[in-house]
Amino acid sequence: MSFQAYLDNIQAKTGKSPTDFRTLARKKGFTDGSGLSAGTKAGDIIAWLKQDFDLGHGHAMALVALFKGSRKEGD
């Protein structure tokens, strides 16, 4: 499955776009606009995404990669 397919599936399941998730992550203090905020661990983000959006581990990790900047939409 391509990275973009993960993002598409996340949006279909949650109704939220990658931009929506970036905004939510920033509001929660997980990101600072250029990547993860200092002290933020991937596990904290994964737990939030699993609890609040019922995402599986792989889909949550895709969003972590997006937040870190190691992957981008369209990959």
N, C-alpha and C. Protein backbone atom coordinates (compact mmCIF):
# COMPACT_ATOMS: atom_id res chain seq x y z
N MET A 1 0.85 -1.16 0.00
CA MET A 1 0.00 0.00 0.00
C MET A 1 0.90 1.24 0.00
N SER A 2 0.59 2.19 -0.84
CA SER A 2 1.39 3.41 -0.89
C SER A 2 1.09 4.28 0.33
N PHE A 3 1.99 5.19 0.59
CA PHE A 3 1.79 6.11 1.71
C PHE A 3 0.52 6.92 1.49
N GLN A 4 0.30 7.38 0.26
CA GLN A 4 -0.90 8.16 -0.03
C GLN A 4 -2.16 7.33 0.21
N ALA A 5 -2.11 6.04 -0.07
CA ALA A 5 -3.27 5.17 0.19
C ALA A 5 -3.58 5.13 1.68
N TYR A 6 -2.54 5.10 2.52
CA TYR A 6 -2.76 5.17 3.97
C TYR A 6 -3.50 6.45 4.33
N LEU A 7 -3.03 7.58 3.80
CA LEU A 7 -3.67 8.86 4.10
C LEU A 7 -5.11 8.90 3.60
N ASP A 8 -5.34 8.36 2.41
CA ASP A 8 -6.70 8.32 1.87
C ASP A 8 -7.62 7.48 2.75
N ASN A 9 -7.12 6.34 3.22
CA ASN A 9 -7.92 5.47 4.10
C ASN A 9 -8.21 6.14 5.44
N ILE A 10 -7.24 6.87 5.96
CA ILE A 10 -7.44 7.59 7.21
C ILE A 10 -8.54 8.63 7.04
N GLN A 11 -8.50 9.36 5.93
CA GLN A 11 -9.52 10.37 5.69
C GLN A 11 -10.90 9.74 5.50
N ALA A 12 -10.96 8.61 4.80
CA ALA A 12 -12.25 7.93 4.61
C ALA A 12 -12.82 7.46 5.95
N LYS A 13 -11.95 7.00 6.84
CA LYS A 13 -12.40 6.46 8.13
C LYS A 13 -12.80 7.57 9.10
N THR A 14 -12.04 8.66 9.11
CA THR A 14 -12.23 9.69 10.14
C THR A 14 -12.95 10.94 9.63
N GLY A 15 -12.93 11.15 8.32
CA GLY A 15 -13.48 12.38 7.78
C GLY A 15 -12.53 13.56 7.91
N LYS A 16 -11.31 13.29 8.35
CA LYS A 16 -10.32 14.35 8.55
C LYS A 16 -9.17 14.20 7.56
N SER A 17 -8.78 15.32 6.99
CA SER A 17 -7.69 15.36 6.03
C SER A 17 -6.35 15.41 6.76
N PRO A 18 -5.25 15.16 6.04
CA PRO A 18 -3.93 15.33 6.66
C PRO A 18 -3.75 16.73 7.26
N THR A 19 -4.27 17.74 6.59
CA THR A 19 -4.17 19.10 7.12
C THR A 19 -4.92 19.23 8.43
N ASP A 20 -6.11 18.60 8.51
CA ASP A 20 -6.87 18.62 9.76
C ASP A 20 -6.06 17.98 10.89
N PHE A 21 -5.43 16.84 10.60
CA PHE A 21 -4.63 16.16 11.63
C PHE A 21 -3.41 16.99 12.02
N ARG A 22 -2.79 17.67 11.07
CA ARG A 22 -1.65 18.54 11.42
C ARG A 22 -2.10 19.63 12.39
N THR A 23 -3.26 20.22 12.10
CA THR A 23 -3.80 21.28 12.96
C THR A 23 -4.09 20.75 14.36
N LEU A 24 -4.74 19.59 14.44
CA LEU A 24 -5.06 18.98 15.73
C LEU A 24 -3.79 18.64 16.52
N ALA A 25 -2.79 18.09 15.84
CA ALA A 25 -1.54 17.73 16.50
C ALA A 25 -0.83 18.97 17.04
N ARG A 26 -0.89 20.04 16.28
CA ARG A 26 -0.25 21.28 16.75
C ARG A 26 -0.99 21.84 17.96
N LYS A 27 -2.33 21.80 17.92
CA LYS A 27 -3.12 22.30 19.06
C LYS A 27 -2.85 21.48 20.32
N LYS A 28 -2.58 20.20 20.17
CA LYS A 28 -2.29 19.33 21.32
C LYS A 28 -0.84 19.46 21.78
N GLY A 29 -0.02 20.22 21.03
CA GLY A 29 1.37 20.43 21.41
C GLY A 29 2.32 19.35 20.93
N PHE A 30 1.85 18.44 20.07
CA PHE A 30 2.71 17.38 19.56
C PHE A 30 3.68 17.87 18.49
N THR A 31 3.28 18.92 17.75
CA THR A 31 4.13 19.44 16.68
C THR A 31 4.33 20.93 16.87
N ASP A 32 5.36 21.45 16.20
CA ASP A 32 5.65 22.87 16.31
C ASP A 32 5.66 23.57 14.95
N GLY A 33 5.16 22.90 13.93
CA GLY A 33 5.13 23.49 12.60
C GLY A 33 6.28 23.04 11.72
N SER A 34 7.36 22.57 12.33
CA SER A 34 8.50 22.10 11.53
C SER A 34 8.82 20.64 11.81
N GLY A 35 8.05 20.02 12.65
CA GLY A 35 8.27 18.63 13.02
C GLY A 35 7.66 18.37 14.39
N LEU A 36 8.12 17.33 15.04
CA LEU A 36 7.62 17.04 16.37
C LEU A 36 8.19 18.03 17.37
N SER A 37 7.39 18.42 18.34
CA SER A 37 7.85 19.30 19.41
C SER A 37 8.88 18.57 20.26
N ALA A 38 9.76 19.33 20.86
CA ALA A 38 10.77 18.74 21.74
C ALA A 38 10.09 17.92 22.82
N GLY A 39 10.59 16.72 23.03
CA GLY A 39 10.05 15.85 24.06
C GLY A 39 8.87 15.00 23.64
N THR A 40 8.33 15.27 22.46
CA THR A 40 7.19 14.47 21.98
C THR A 40 7.69 13.13 21.47
N LYS A 41 7.05 12.08 21.92
CA LYS A 41 7.40 10.72 21.49
C LYS A 41 6.31 10.20 20.57
N ALA A 42 6.72 9.41 19.60
CA ALA A 42 5.77 8.83 18.66
C ALA A 42 4.68 8.06 19.40
N GLY A 43 5.04 7.38 20.47
CA GLY A 43 4.07 6.60 21.23
C GLY A 43 2.93 7.43 21.79
N ASP A 44 3.24 8.68 22.17
CA ASP A 44 2.20 9.57 22.69
C ASP A 44 1.20 9.92 21.59
N ILE A 45 1.70 10.18 20.40
CA ILE A 45 0.84 10.52 19.27
C ILE A 45 0.02 9.30 18.87
N ILE A 46 0.66 8.15 18.82
CA ILE A 46 -0.04 6.92 18.44
C ILE A 46 -1.18 6.63 19.42
N ALA A 47 -0.92 6.77 20.71
CA ALA A 47 -1.97 6.53 21.71
C ALA A 47 -3.15 7.47 21.51
N TRP A 48 -2.87 8.74 21.24
CA TRP A 48 -3.93 9.73 20.98
C TRP A 48 -4.74 9.34 19.76
N LEU A 49 -4.08 8.99 18.66
CA LEU A 49 -4.78 8.66 17.42
C LEU A 49 -5.61 7.38 17.57
N LYS A 50 -5.09 6.42 18.30
CA LYS A 50 -5.84 5.18 18.54
C LYS A 50 -7.07 5.45 19.40
N GLN A 51 -6.88 6.22 20.46
CA GLN A 51 -7.98 6.48 21.39
C GLN A 51 -9.05 7.38 20.78
N ASP A 52 -8.65 8.50 20.21
CA ASP A 52 -9.62 9.49 19.74
C ASP A 52 -10.19 9.20 18.36
N PHE A 53 -9.45 8.46 17.53
CA PHE A 53 -9.90 8.25 16.15
C PHE A 53 -10.00 6.78 15.77
N ASP A 54 -9.73 5.89 16.70
CA ASP A 54 -9.82 4.44 16.47
C ASP A 54 -8.95 3.99 15.30
N LEU A 55 -7.78 4.62 15.14
CA LEU A 55 -6.86 4.22 14.08
C LEU A 55 -6.01 3.06 14.55
N GLY A 56 -5.61 2.22 13.62
CA GLY A 56 -4.68 1.15 13.92
C GLY A 56 -3.26 1.68 13.98
N HIS A 57 -2.36 0.82 14.40
CA HIS A 57 -0.97 1.23 14.59
C HIS A 57 -0.33 1.73 13.28
N GLY A 58 -0.54 1.02 12.18
CA GLY A 58 0.06 1.41 10.91
C GLY A 58 -0.43 2.76 10.42
N HIS A 59 -1.73 3.00 10.54
CA HIS A 59 -2.27 4.28 10.11
C HIS A 59 -1.79 5.41 11.01
N ALA A 60 -1.71 5.14 12.31
CA ALA A 60 -1.19 6.15 13.24
C ALA A 60 0.27 6.47 12.92
N MET A 61 1.06 5.44 12.61
CA MET A 61 2.47 5.67 12.26
C MET A 61 2.61 6.48 10.97
N ALA A 62 1.68 6.30 10.04
CA ALA A 62 1.71 7.11 8.82
C ALA A 62 1.55 8.58 9.16
N LEU A 63 0.65 8.89 10.08
CA LEU A 63 0.48 10.29 10.48
C LEU A 63 1.70 10.80 11.23
N VAL A 64 2.31 9.96 12.05
CA VAL A 64 3.55 10.37 12.74
C VAL A 64 4.62 10.73 11.70
N ALA A 65 4.77 9.91 10.68
CA ALA A 65 5.75 10.19 9.62
C ALA A 65 5.43 11.51 8.93
N LEU A 66 4.16 11.78 8.72
CA LEU A 66 3.74 13.04 8.11
C LEU A 66 4.09 14.21 9.03
N PHE A 67 3.80 14.07 10.32
CA PHE A 67 4.11 15.14 11.28
C PHE A 67 5.61 15.39 11.38
N LYS A 68 6.41 14.33 11.33
CA LYS A 68 7.86 14.46 11.42
C LYS A 68 8.45 15.11 10.17
N GLY A 69 7.75 14.96 9.05
CA GLY A 69 8.26 15.46 7.78
C GLY A 69 9.07 14.43 7.02
N SER A 70 9.10 13.19 7.52
CA SER A 70 9.86 12.15 6.82
C SER A 70 9.10 11.60 5.62
N ARG A 71 7.80 11.81 5.58
CA ARG A 71 6.97 11.44 4.43
C ARG A 71 6.06 12.63 4.14
N LYS A 72 5.58 12.69 2.91
CA LYS A 72 4.68 13.79 2.54
C LYS A 72 3.52 13.24 1.73
N GLU A 73 2.48 14.04 1.64
CA GLU A 73 1.33 13.64 0.84
C GLU A 73 1.79 13.40 -0.59
N GLY A 74 1.23 12.36 -1.20
CA GLY A 74 1.59 12.02 -2.56
C GLY A 74 2.66 10.96 -2.67
N ASP A 75 3.33 10.62 -1.55
CA ASP A 75 4.35 9.57 -1.56
C ASP A 75 3.70 8.21 -1.78
